[in-house]
Amino acid sequence: MNRLFDFNHPFFKPLWIRLLVTGSCFVWGSVEFITGAPLWGILFCGLGALAAYGLFVTFDPRTAEHRQLDDQSGE
């Protein structure tokens, strides 16, 4: 069964994309807290924490590179 988020997808290989995805979740969660919507703030900050874990702690750039090469050779 496929996972909900595939953090080893070749799209996430560049560092700036991983930073942008994670940072945007935390920034939007902060905006939600500031505007008085704590439920959405918790949701987006939780997604940011999940993205930080998946994109920085368990991310394997070699797996992403192999998948990218497999995708290119299959065309």
C-alpha atoms as a PDB file:
ATOM      1  CA  MET A   1       0.000   0.000   0.000  1.00  0.00           C
ATOM      2  CA  ASN A   2       1.324   3.450  -0.894  1.00  0.00           C
ATOM      3  CA  ARG A   3       2.056   5.946   1.814  1.00  0.00           C
ATOM      4  CA  LEU A   4       0.117   9.181   1.982  1.00  0.00           C
ATOM      5  CA  PHE A   5       3.243  11.319   1.538  1.00  0.00           C
ATOM      6  CA  ASP A   6       6.243  10.045  -0.399  1.00  0.00           C
ATOM      7  CA  PHE A   7       9.104  12.114   0.990  1.00  0.00           C
ATOM      8  CA  ASN A   8      11.688  10.254  -1.123  1.00  0.00           C
ATOM      9  CA  HIS A   9      10.151  11.458  -4.375  1.00  0.00           C
ATOM     10  CA  PRO A  10      12.715  13.076  -6.715  1.00  0.00           C
ATOM     11  CA  PHE A  11      10.768  16.357  -6.493  1.00  0.00           C
ATOM     12  CA  PHE A  12      12.062  16.831  -2.922  1.00  0.00           C
ATOM     13  CA  LYS A  13      15.751  16.301  -3.743  1.00  0.00           C
ATOM     14  CA  PRO A  14      16.726  20.028  -3.922  1.00  0.00           C
ATOM     15  CA  LEU A  15      17.220  21.510  -0.461  1.00  0.00           C
ATOM     16  CA  TRP A  16      15.365  24.728  -1.302  1.00  0.00           C
ATOM     17  CA  ILE A  17      12.171  22.806  -2.108  1.00  0.00           C
ATOM     18  CA  ARG A  18      12.329  20.922   1.198  1.00  0.00           C
ATOM     19  CA  LEU A  19      12.891  24.190   3.072  1.00  0.00           C
ATOM     20  CA  LEU A  20      10.050  25.899   1.197  1.00  0.00           C
ATOM     21  CA  VAL A  21       7.527  23.126   1.872  1.00  0.00           C
ATOM     22  CA  THR A  22       8.402  22.847   5.552  1.00  0.00           C
ATOM     23  CA  GLY A  23       8.647  26.589   6.125  1.00  0.00           C
ATOM     24  CA  SER A  24       5.379  27.368   4.373  1.00  0.00           C
ATOM     25  CA  CYS A  25       3.526  24.899   6.611  1.00  0.00           C
ATOM     26  CA  PHE A  26       4.918  26.508   9.769  1.00  0.00           C
ATOM     27  CA  VAL A  27       4.338  30.050   8.501  1.00  0.00           C
ATOM     28  CA  TRP A  28       0.743  29.311   7.553  1.00  0.00           C
ATOM     29  CA  GLY A  29       0.171  27.586  10.907  1.00  0.00           C
ATOM     30  CA  SER A  30       1.452  30.714  12.641  1.00  0.00           C
ATOM     31  CA  VAL A  31      -0.871  32.891  10.556  1.00  0.00           C
ATOM     32  CA  GLU A  32      -3.795  30.717  11.594  1.00  0.00           C
ATOM     33  CA  PHE A  33      -2.883  31.031  15.287  1.00  0.00           C
ATOM     34  CA  ILE A  34      -2.530  34.813  14.971  1.00  0.00           C
ATOM     35  CA  THR A  35      -5.915  35.175  13.267  1.00  0.00           C
ATOM     36  CA  GLY A  36      -7.638  33.145  15.982  1.00  0.00           C
ATOM     37  CA  ALA A  37      -8.075  29.766  14.316  1.00  0.00           C
ATOM     38  CA  PRO A  38      -6.174  27.384  16.614  1.00  0.00           C
ATOM     39  CA  LEU A  39      -7.522  24.203  15.010  1.00  0.00           C
ATOM     40  CA  TRP A  40      -6.077  25.130  11.615  1.00  0.00           C
ATOM     41  CA  GLY A  41      -2.906  26.337  13.312  1.00  0.00           C
ATOM     42  CA  ILE A  42      -2.421  22.975  14.973  1.00  0.00           C
ATOM     43  CA  LEU A  43      -3.165  21.182  11.709  1.00  0.00           C
ATOM     44  CA  PHE A  44      -0.650  23.161   9.638  1.00  0.00           C
ATOM     45  CA  CYS A  45       2.047  23.139  12.314  1.00  0.00           C
ATOM     46  CA  GLY A  46       1.544  19.381  12.601  1.00  0.00           C
ATOM     47  CA  LEU A  47       1.980  19.071   8.842  1.00  0.00           C
ATOM     48  CA  GLY A  48       5.107  21.192   9.139  1.00  0.00           C
ATOM     49  CA  ALA A  49       6.478  18.876  11.824  1.00  0.00           C
ATOM     50  CA  LEU A  50       5.660  15.840   9.684  1.00  0.00           C
ATOM     51  CA  ALA A  51       7.338  17.467   6.672  1.00  0.00           C
ATOM     52  CA  ALA A  52      10.410  18.405   8.738  1.00  0.00           C
ATOM     53  CA  TYR A  53      10.751  14.844   9.976  1.00  0.00           C
ATOM     54  CA  GLY A  54      10.180  13.293   6.556  1.00  0.00           C
ATOM     55  CA  LEU A  55      12.246  15.756   4.539  1.00  0.00           C
ATOM     56  CA  PHE A  56      15.209  16.278   6.865  1.00  0.00           C
ATOM     57  CA  VAL A  57      15.453  13.363   9.312  1.00  0.00           C
ATOM     58  CA  THR A  58      14.481  10.337   7.221  1.00  0.00           C
ATOM     59  CA  PHE A  59      15.081  11.766   3.719  1.00  0.00           C
ATOM     60  CA  ASP A  60      17.511   9.708   1.620  1.00  0.00           C
ATOM     61  CA  PRO A  61      18.766  11.635  -1.444  1.00  0.00           C
ATOM     62  CA  ARG A  62      20.210   8.436  -2.945  1.00  0.00           C
ATOM     63  CA  THR A  63      16.755   6.845  -3.014  1.00  0.00           C
ATOM     64  CA  ALA A  64      15.334   9.934  -4.704  1.00  0.00           C
ATOM     65  CA  GLU A  65      18.170   9.893  -7.240  1.00  0.00           C
ATOM     66  CA  HIS A  66      17.635   6.204  -8.033  1.00  0.00           C
ATOM     67  CA  ARG A  67      13.911   6.765  -8.498  1.00  0.00           C
ATOM     68  CA  GLN A  68      14.596   9.712 -10.797  1.00  0.00           C
ATOM     69  CA  LEU A  69      16.955   7.606 -12.903  1.00  0.00           C
ATOM     70  CA  ASP A  70      14.401   4.778 -13.023  1.00  0.00           C
ATOM     71  CA  ASP A  71      11.707   7.209 -14.168  1.00  0.00           C
ATOM     72  CA  GLN A  72      13.950   8.563 -16.932  1.00  0.00           C
ATOM     73  CA  SER A  73      14.974   5.122 -18.187  1.00  0.00           C
ATOM     74  CA  GLY A  74      11.353   3.929 -18.279  1.00  0.00           C
ATOM     75  CA  GLU A  75      10.262   6.562 -20.772  1.00  0.00           C
END
